[in-house]
Structures are given as C-alpha cells and as structure tokens.
PDB file of N, CA and C in Angstrom:
ATOM      1  N   MET A   1      10.694  -1.483 -15.335  1.00  0.00           N
ATOM      2  CA  MET A   1      10.208  -1.518 -13.968  1.00  0.00           C
ATOM      3  C   MET A   1       8.701  -1.278 -13.958  1.00  0.00           C
ATOM      4  N   PRO A   2       7.967  -2.148 -13.276  1.00  0.00           N
ATOM      5  CA  PRO A   2       6.506  -1.970 -13.249  1.00  0.00           C
ATOM      6  C   PRO A   2       6.121  -0.723 -12.458  1.00  0.00           C
ATOM      7  N   ASP A   3       4.941  -0.228 -12.746  1.00  0.00           N
ATOM      8  CA  ASP A   3       4.420   0.947 -12.050  1.00  0.00           C
ATOM      9  C   ASP A   3       4.060   0.552 -10.619  1.00  0.00           C
ATOM     10  N   VAL A   4       4.811   1.071  -9.646  1.00  0.00           N
ATOM     11  CA  VAL A   4       4.596   0.708  -8.246  1.00  0.00           C
ATOM     12  C   VAL A   4       3.583   1.608  -7.553  1.00  0.00           C
ATOM     13  N   TYR A   5       3.250   2.734  -8.173  1.00  0.00           N
ATOM     14  CA  TYR A   5       2.407   3.722  -7.498  1.00  0.00           C
ATOM     15  C   TYR A   5       1.013   3.212  -7.134  1.00  0.00           C
ATOM     16  N   PRO A   6       0.335   2.431  -7.953  1.00  0.00           N
ATOM     17  CA  PRO A   6      -0.982   1.936  -7.516  1.00  0.00           C
ATOM     18  C   PRO A   6      -0.906   1.089  -6.235  1.00  0.00           C
ATOM     19  N   ALA A   7       0.101   0.221  -6.137  1.00  0.00           N
ATOM     20  CA  ALA A   7       0.238  -0.610  -4.932  1.00  0.00           C
ATOM     21  C   ALA A   7       0.622   0.228  -3.724  1.00  0.00           C
ATOM     22  N   ILE A   8       1.486   1.219  -3.915  1.00  0.00           N
ATOM     23  CA  ILE A   8       1.872   2.094  -2.819  1.00  0.00           C
ATOM     24  C   ILE A   8       0.677   2.934  -2.361  1.00  0.00           C
ATOM     25  N   TRP A   9      -0.131   3.396  -3.315  1.00  0.00           N
ATOM     26  CA  TRP A   9      -1.350   4.153  -2.972  1.00  0.00           C
ATOM     27  C   TRP A   9      -2.282   3.289  -2.121  1.00  0.00           C
ATOM     28  N   GLU A  10      -2.493   2.049  -2.534  1.00  0.00           N
ATOM     29  CA  GLU A  10      -3.366   1.152  -1.774  1.00  0.00           C
ATOM     30  C   GLU A  10      -2.762   0.817  -0.413  1.00  0.00           C
ATOM     31  N   HIS A  11      -1.455   0.698  -0.353  1.00  0.00           N
ATOM     32  CA  HIS A  11      -0.753   0.468   0.918  1.00  0.00           C
ATOM     33  C   HIS A  11      -1.051   1.625   1.876  1.00  0.00           C
ATOM     34  N   ALA A  12      -0.913   2.849   1.406  1.00  0.00           N
ATOM     35  CA  ALA A  12      -1.159   4.024   2.242  1.00  0.00           C
ATOM     36  C   ALA A  12      -2.627   4.121   2.646  1.00  0.00           C
ATOM     37  N   ARG A  13      -3.526   3.870   1.697  1.00  0.00           N
ATOM     38  CA  ARG A  13      -4.956   3.902   1.988  1.00  0.00           C
ATOM     39  C   ARG A  13      -5.308   2.865   3.053  1.00  0.00           C
ATOM     40  N   ARG A  14      -4.733   1.692   2.925  1.00  0.00           N
ATOM     41  CA  ARG A  14      -4.987   0.625   3.884  1.00  0.00           C
ATOM     42  C   ARG A  14      -4.421   0.979   5.260  1.00  0.00           C
ATOM     43  N   ASN A  15      -3.224   1.559   5.295  1.00  0.00           N
ATOM     44  CA  ASN A  15      -2.647   1.978   6.573  1.00  0.00           C
ATOM     45  C   ASN A  15      -3.547   3.003   7.266  1.00  0.00           C
ATOM     46  N   PHE A  16      -4.111   3.917   6.504  1.00  0.00           N
ATOM     47  CA  PHE A  16      -5.026   4.907   7.080  1.00  0.00           C
ATOM     48  C   PHE A  16      -6.241   4.207   7.681  1.00  0.00           C
ATOM     49  N   SER A  17      -6.773   3.229   6.974  1.00  0.00           N
ATOM     50  CA  SER A  17      -7.927   2.479   7.473  1.00  0.00           C
ATOM     51  C   SER A  17      -7.569   1.712   8.750  1.00  0.00           C
ATOM     52  N   LEU A  18      -6.402   1.083   8.770  1.00  0.00           N
ATOM     53  CA  LEU A  18      -5.948   0.370   9.968  1.00  0.00           C
ATOM     54  C   LEU A  18      -5.771   1.341  11.136  1.00  0.00           C
ATOM     55  N   HIS A  19      -5.312   2.539  10.830  1.00  0.00           N
ATOM     56  CA  HIS A  19      -5.146   3.571  11.859  1.00  0.00           C
ATOM     57  C   HIS A  19      -6.517   3.966  12.434  1.00  0.00           C
ATOM     58  N   VAL A  20      -7.471   4.233  11.572  1.00  0.00           N
ATOM     59  CA  VAL A  20      -8.815   4.610  12.004  1.00  0.00           C
ATOM     60  C   VAL A  20      -9.442   3.504  12.852  1.00  0.00           C
ATOM     61  N   ASP A  21      -9.167   2.247  12.500  1.00  0.00           N
ATOM     62  CA  ASP A  21      -9.710   1.108  13.236  1.00  0.00           C
ATOM     63  C   ASP A  21      -8.982   0.845  14.557  1.00  0.00           C
ATOM     64  N   GLY A  22      -7.920   1.600  14.836  1.00  0.00           N
ATOM     65  CA  GLY A  22      -7.189   1.444  16.090  1.00  0.00           C
ATOM     66  C   GLY A  22      -6.152   0.343  16.093  1.00  0.00           C
ATOM     67  N   LEU A  23      -5.911  -0.286  14.949  1.00  0.00           N
ATOM     68  CA  LEU A  23      -4.939  -1.376  14.878  1.00  0.00           C
ATOM     69  C   LEU A  23      -3.514  -0.882  14.614  1.00  0.00           C
ATOM     70  N   LEU A  24      -3.400   0.327  14.085  1.00  0.00           N
ATOM     71  CA  LEU A  24      -2.104   0.877  13.681  1.00  0.00           C
ATOM     72  C   LEU A  24      -2.030   2.340  14.122  1.00  0.00           C
ATOM     73  N   PRO A  25      -1.830   2.575  15.426  1.00  0.00           N
ATOM     74  CA  PRO A  25      -1.880   3.950  15.913  1.00  0.00           C
ATOM     75  C   PRO A  25      -0.710   4.822  15.488  1.00  0.00           C
ATOM     76  N   ILE A  26       0.435   4.207  15.191  1.00  0.00           N
ATOM     77  CA  ILE A  26       1.610   4.999  14.818  1.00  0.00           C
ATOM     78  C   ILE A  26       2.191   4.470  13.508  1.00  0.00           C
ATOM     79  N   VAL A  27       2.280   5.353  12.523  1.00  0.00           N
ATOM     80  CA  VAL A  27       2.869   5.036  11.220  1.00  0.00           C
ATOM     81  C   VAL A  27       3.898   6.122  10.927  1.00  0.00           C
ATOM     82  N   CYS A  28       5.129   5.719  10.670  1.00  0.00           N
ATOM     83  CA  CYS A  28       6.217   6.682  10.440  1.00  0.00           C
ATOM     84  C   CYS A  28       6.940   6.363   9.134  1.00  0.00           C
ATOM     85  N   PRO A  29       6.521   6.949   8.017  1.00  0.00           N
ATOM     86  CA  PRO A  29       7.305   6.792   6.791  1.00  0.00           C
ATOM     87  C   PRO A  29       8.690   7.410   7.010  1.00  0.00           C
ATOM     88  N   ILE A  30       9.700   6.827   6.405  1.00  0.00           N
ATOM     89  CA  ILE A  30      11.067   7.313   6.563  1.00  0.00           C
ATOM     90  C   ILE A  30      11.613   7.737   5.212  1.00  0.00           C
ATOM     91  N   ARG A  31      12.090   8.958   5.152  1.00  0.00           N
ATOM     92  CA  ARG A  31      12.797   9.470   3.989  1.00  0.00           C
ATOM     93  C   ARG A  31      14.250   9.631   4.423  1.00  0.00           C
ATOM     94  N   ASP A  32      15.049   8.621   4.183  1.00  0.00           N
ATOM     95  CA  ASP A  32      16.424   8.580   4.675  1.00  0.00           C
ATOM     96  C   ASP A  32      17.390   9.172   3.653  1.00  0.00           C
ATOM     97  N   GLU A  33      18.049  10.242   4.031  1.00  0.00           N
ATOM     98  CA  GLU A  33      19.016  10.878   3.144  1.00  0.00           C
ATOM     99  C   GLU A  33      20.223   9.982   2.884  1.00  0.00           C
ATOM    100  N   ASN A  34      20.445   9.001   3.758  1.00  0.00           N
ATOM    101  CA  ASN A  34      21.560   8.073   3.586  1.00  0.00           C
ATOM    102  C   ASN A  34      21.183   6.875   2.724  1.00  0.00           C
ATOM    103  N   GLU A  35      19.959   6.883   2.232  1.00  0.00           N
ATOM    104  CA  GLU A  35      19.456   5.848   1.327  1.00  0.00           C
ATOM    105  C   GLU A  35      19.515   4.442   1.918  1.00  0.00           C
ATOM    106  N   SER A  36      19.092   4.309   3.182  1.00  0.00           N
ATOM    107  CA  SER A  36      19.000   2.978   3.776  1.00  0.00           C
ATOM    108  C   SER A  36      17.831   2.236   3.137  1.00  0.00           C
ATOM    109  N   GLN A  37      17.665   1.005   3.487  1.00  0.00           N
ATOM    110  CA  GLN A  37      16.589   0.188   2.935  1.00  0.00           C
ATOM    111  C   GLN A  37      15.302   0.290   3.752  1.00  0.00           C
ATOM    112  N   VAL A  38      15.301   1.069   4.823  1.00  0.00           N
ATOM    113  CA  VAL A  38      14.117   1.193   5.679  1.00  0.00           C
ATOM    114  C   VAL A  38      13.175   2.229   5.088  1.00  0.00           C
ATOM    115  N   ALA A  39      11.921   1.816   4.849  1.00  0.00           N
ATOM    116  CA  ALA A  39      10.924   2.715   4.269  1.00  0.00           C
ATOM    117  C   ALA A  39      10.000   3.297   5.325  1.00  0.00           C
ATOM    118  N   GLY A  40       9.905   2.645   6.491  1.00  0.00           N
ATOM    119  CA  GLY A  40       9.028   3.157   7.524  1.00  0.00           C
ATOM    120  C   GLY A  40       8.997   2.260   8.737  1.00  0.00           C
ATOM    121  N   ILE A  41       8.403   2.779   9.796  1.00  0.00           N
ATOM    122  CA  ILE A  41       8.217   2.037  11.039  1.00  0.00           C
ATOM    123  C   ILE A  41       6.751   2.179  11.430  1.00  0.00           C
ATOM    124  N   SER A  42       6.147   1.064  11.795  1.00  0.00           N
ATOM    125  CA  SER A  42       4.742   1.066  12.204  1.00  0.00           C
ATOM    126  C   SER A  42       4.609   0.361  13.543  1.00  0.00           C
ATOM    127  N   ILE A  43       3.735   0.871  14.378  1.00  0.00           N
ATOM    128  CA  ILE A  43       3.456   0.226  15.658  1.00  0.00           C
ATOM    129  C   ILE A  43       1.995  -0.217  15.654  1.00  0.00           C
ATOM    130  N   PHE A  44       1.804  -1.520  15.770  1.00  0.00           N
ATOM    131  CA  PHE A  44       0.474  -2.127  15.775  1.00  0.00           C
ATOM    132  C   PHE A  44       0.031  -2.409  17.206  1.00  0.00           C
ATOM    133  N   THR A  45      -1.256  -2.498  17.420  1.00  0.00           N
ATOM    134  CA  THR A  45      -1.814  -2.868  18.722  1.00  0.00           C
ATOM    135  C   THR A  45      -2.149  -4.350  18.775  1.00  0.00           C
ATOM    136  N   THR A  46      -1.840  -5.084  17.733  1.00  0.00           N
ATOM    137  CA  THR A  46      -2.208  -6.490  17.608  1.00  0.00           C
ATOM    138  C   THR A  46      -1.073  -7.411  18.044  1.00  0.00           C
ATOM    139  N   ALA A  47      -1.430  -8.658  18.334  1.00  0.00           N
ATOM    140  CA  ALA A  47      -0.432  -9.683  18.645  1.00  0.00           C
ATOM    141  C   ALA A  47       0.397  -9.973  17.391  1.00  0.00           C
ATOM    142  N   MET A  48       1.560 -10.564  17.589  1.00  0.00           N
ATOM    143  CA  MET A  48       2.484 -10.779  16.465  1.00  0.00           C
ATOM    144  C   MET A  48       1.855 -11.588  15.327  1.00  0.00           C
ATOM    145  N   GLU A  49       1.131 -12.638  15.648  1.00  0.00           N
ATOM    146  CA  GLU A  49       0.530 -13.463  14.586  1.00  0.00           C
ATOM    147  C   GLU A  49      -0.509 -12.678  13.797  1.00  0.00           C
ATOM    148  N   GLU A  50      -1.324 -11.885  14.485  1.00  0.00           N
ATOM    149  CA  GLU A  50      -2.318 -11.059  13.793  1.00  0.00           C
ATOM    150  C   GLU A  50      -1.631  -9.979  12.966  1.00  0.00           C
ATOM    151  N   THR A  51      -0.570  -9.406  13.497  1.00  0.00           N
ATOM    152  CA  THR A  51       0.190  -8.396  12.748  1.00  0.00           C
ATOM    153  C   THR A  51       0.751  -9.005  11.470  1.00  0.00           C
ATOM    154  N   LYS A  52       1.282 -10.212  11.577  1.00  0.00           N
ATOM    155  CA  LYS A  52       1.815 -10.908  10.393  1.00  0.00           C
ATOM    156  C   LYS A  52       0.716 -11.112   9.350  1.00  0.00           C
ATOM    157  N   LYS A  53      -0.467 -11.526   9.782  1.00  0.00           N
ATOM    158  CA  LYS A  53      -1.586 -11.708   8.847  1.00  0.00           C
ATOM    159  C   LYS A  53      -1.961 -10.390   8.169  1.00  0.00           C
ATOM    160  N   ILE A  54      -1.989  -9.309   8.951  1.00  0.00           N
ATOM    161  CA  ILE A  54      -2.314  -7.988   8.397  1.00  0.00           C
ATOM    162  C   ILE A  54      -1.275  -7.597   7.344  1.00  0.00           C
ATOM    163  N   LEU A  55      -0.005  -7.759   7.691  1.00  0.00           N
ATOM    164  CA  LEU A  55       1.065  -7.356   6.777  1.00  0.00           C
ATOM    165  C   LEU A  55       1.088  -8.198   5.506  1.00  0.00           C
ATOM    166  N   GLU A  56       0.809  -9.468   5.620  1.00  0.00           N
ATOM    167  CA  GLU A  56       0.834 -10.343   4.444  1.00  0.00           C
ATOM    168  C   GLU A  56      -0.267  -9.997   3.447  1.00  0.00           C
ATOM    169  N   GLU A  57      -1.278  -9.250   3.870  1.00  0.00           N
ATOM    170  CA  GLU A  57      -2.332  -8.801   2.960  1.00  0.00           C
ATOM    171  C   GLU A  57      -2.095  -7.392   2.421  1.00  0.00           C
ATOM    172  N   ASP A  58      -1.005  -6.767   2.819  1.00  0.00           N
ATOM    173  CA  ASP A  58      -0.686  -5.423   2.347  1.00  0.00           C
ATOM    174  C   ASP A  58      -0.378  -5.462   0.846  1.00  0.00           C
ATOM    175  N   PRO A  59      -0.999  -4.594   0.053  1.00  0.00           N
ATOM    176  CA  PRO A  59      -0.795  -4.615  -1.403  1.00  0.00           C
ATOM    177  C   PRO A  59       0.666  -4.436  -1.831  1.00  0.00           C
ATOM    178  N   ALA A  60       1.404  -3.570  -1.170  1.00  0.00           N
ATOM    179  CA  ALA A  60       2.804  -3.339  -1.548  1.00  0.00           C
ATOM    180  C   ALA A  60       3.692  -4.513  -1.156  1.00  0.00           C
ATOM    181  N   ILE A  61       3.359  -5.189  -0.074  1.00  0.00           N
ATOM    182  CA  ILE A  61       4.106  -6.378   0.328  1.00  0.00           C
ATOM    183  C   ILE A  61       3.772  -7.532  -0.603  1.00  0.00           C
ATOM    184  N   LYS A  62       2.484  -7.708  -0.911  1.00  0.00           N
ATOM    185  CA  LYS A  62       2.080  -8.767  -1.831  1.00  0.00           C
ATOM    186  C   LYS A  62       2.707  -8.594  -3.214  1.00  0.00           C
ATOM    187  N   ALA A  63       2.910  -7.326  -3.632  1.00  0.00           N
ATOM    188  CA  ALA A  63       3.506  -7.044  -4.938  1.00  0.00           C
ATOM    189  C   ALA A  63       5.029  -7.145  -4.914  1.00  0.00           C
ATOM    190  N   GLY A  64       5.620  -7.370  -3.742  1.00  0.00           N
ATOM    191  CA  GLY A  64       7.063  -7.483  -3.635  1.00  0.00           C
ATOM    192  C   GLY A  64       7.791  -6.140  -3.641  1.00  0.00           C
ATOM    193  N   ILE A  65       7.053  -5.058  -3.443  1.00  0.00           N
ATOM    194  CA  ILE A  65       7.647  -3.721  -3.430  1.00  0.00           C
ATOM    195  C   ILE A  65       8.258  -3.431  -2.061  1.00  0.00           C
ATOM    196  N   LEU A  66       7.565  -3.825  -1.001  1.00  0.00           N
ATOM    197  CA  LEU A  66       8.037  -3.633   0.364  1.00  0.00           C
ATOM    198  C   LEU A  66       8.204  -4.981   1.054  1.00  0.00           C
ATOM    199  N   LEU A  67       9.129  -5.030   1.987  1.00  0.00           N
ATOM    200  CA  LEU A  67       9.334  -6.187   2.855  1.00  0.00           C
ATOM    201  C   LEU A  67       9.065  -5.738   4.285  1.00  0.00           C
ATOM    202  N   TYR A  68       8.915  -6.677   5.186  1.00  0.00           N
ATOM    203  CA  TYR A  68       8.697  -6.305   6.579  1.00  0.00           C
ATOM    204  C   TYR A  68       9.452  -7.221   7.520  1.00  0.00           C
ATOM    205  N   GLU A  69       9.707  -6.705   8.711  1.00  0.00           N
ATOM    206  CA  GLU A  69      10.222  -7.462   9.840  1.00  0.00           C
ATOM    207  C   GLU A  69       9.338  -7.115  11.024  1.00  0.00           C
ATOM    208  N   ILE A  70       9.079  -8.099  11.882  1.00  0.00           N
ATOM    209  CA  ILE A  70       8.239  -7.872  13.058  1.00  0.00           C
ATOM    210  C   ILE A  70       9.090  -8.052  14.305  1.00  0.00           C
ATOM    211  N   TYR A  71       8.957  -7.102  15.216  1.00  0.00           N
ATOM    212  CA  TYR A  71       9.640  -7.167  16.502  1.00  0.00           C
ATOM    213  C   TYR A  71       8.617  -6.956  17.605  1.00  0.00           C
ATOM    214  N   SER A  72       8.709  -7.763  18.647  1.00  0.00           N
ATOM    215  CA  SER A  72       7.862  -7.581  19.813  1.00  0.00           C
ATOM    216  C   SER A  72       8.505  -6.524  20.702  1.00  0.00           C
ATOM    217  N   THR A  73       7.693  -5.663  21.247  1.00  0.00           N
ATOM    218  CA  THR A  73       8.217  -4.613  22.120  1.00  0.00           C
ATOM    219  C   THR A  73       7.209  -4.322  23.226  1.00  0.00           C
ATOM    220  N   LYS A  74       7.673  -3.624  24.231  1.00  0.00           N
ATOM    221  CA  LYS A  74       6.806  -3.196  25.332  1.00  0.00           C
ATOM    222  C   LYS A  74       7.092  -1.729  25.598  1.00  0.00           C
ATOM    223  N   THR A  75       6.169  -1.089  26.290  1.00  0.00           N
ATOM    224  CA  THR A  75       6.343   0.314  26.653  1.00  0.00           C
ATOM    225  C   THR A  75       5.712   0.550  28.012  1.00  0.00           C
ATOM    226  N   PHE A  76       5.784   1.768  28.468  1.00  0.00           N
ATOM    227  CA  PHE A  76       5.145   2.125  29.724  1.00  0.00           C
ATOM    228  C   PHE A  76       3.644   2.253  29.496  1.00  0.00           C
ATOM    229  N   PRO A  77       2.821   1.866  30.480  1.00  0.00           N
ATOM    230  CA  PRO A  77       1.373   2.028  30.339  1.00  0.00           C
ATOM    231  C   PRO A  77       1.009   3.493  30.028  1.00  0.00           C
ATOM    232  N   GLY A  78       0.164   3.682  29.075  1.00  0.00           N
ATOM    233  CA  GLY A  78      -0.297   5.019  28.716  1.00  0.00           C
ATOM    234  C   GLY A  78       0.643   5.802  27.814  1.00  0.00           C
ATOM    235  N   SER A  79       1.738   5.189  27.375  1.00  0.00           N
ATOM    236  CA  SER A  79       2.680   5.896  26.502  1.00  0.00           C
ATOM    237  C   SER A  79       2.012   6.295  25.203  1.00  0.00           C
ATOM    238  N   CYS A  80       2.279   7.514  24.752  1.00  0.00           N
ATOM    239  CA  CYS A  80       1.767   7.989  23.480  1.00  0.00           C
ATOM    240  C   CYS A  80       2.602   9.187  23.045  1.00  0.00           C
ATOM    241  N   LEU A  81       2.432   9.587  21.820  1.00  0.00           N
ATOM    242  CA  LEU A  81       3.123  10.767  21.333  1.00  0.00           C
ATOM    243  C   LEU A  81       2.465  12.016  21.912  1.00  0.00           C
ATOM    244  N   PRO A  82       3.252  13.047  22.175  1.00  0.00           N
ATOM    245  CA  PRO A  82       2.643  14.283  22.681  1.00  0.00           C
ATOM    246  C   PRO A  82       1.739  14.922  21.644  1.00  0.00           C
ATOM    247  N   LYS A  83       0.719  15.614  22.123  1.00  0.00           N
ATOM    248  CA  LYS A  83      -0.216  16.271  21.201  1.00  0.00           C
ATOM    249  C   LYS A  83       0.282  17.626  20.820  1.00  0.00           C
TER     250      LYS A  83
END
C-alpha cells in the first residue's frame, strides 16, 4: 500500500487554505466507529460546478485516496454554527 499521508497532509492543508479564503466555511472530518465509508462532510460557498473543479484538484482525490459526492442544499439566511 502506498504512503497516503503526504496526500492527506496536502488535502488538509488545502482545506485550511480554502477555509481561510471563505470558500469552505465548514469542514467536518468523520471518525465513524461503525467503519462507514464516509470520511467527512464539507460545506462550500461555491456553485456546484466550481465546487467540482475545486474537488478535482484535491491531492487526496487526485491520488484516488478519497472520493466525493456533491449535493446542492439550501439553508436559512444567516445560518451558522454557534460560537
């Protein structure tokens, strides 16, 4: 099995950068005790096509370590996590 840690490190570093840039305000890594295939949930502020472009450049996705699915969603105006 190839060493996945460099790609995962770059994935995390990139997510932090996307967060700072306001494109990825919510990132939720998942540690599932039931061992599901879900590694995390992310909420982007971008349109679906732009989100797809962002994800396709992710180092862990490009390396085939992670996969993604995109869903369109809506929320109430001003919704955010409590501080």
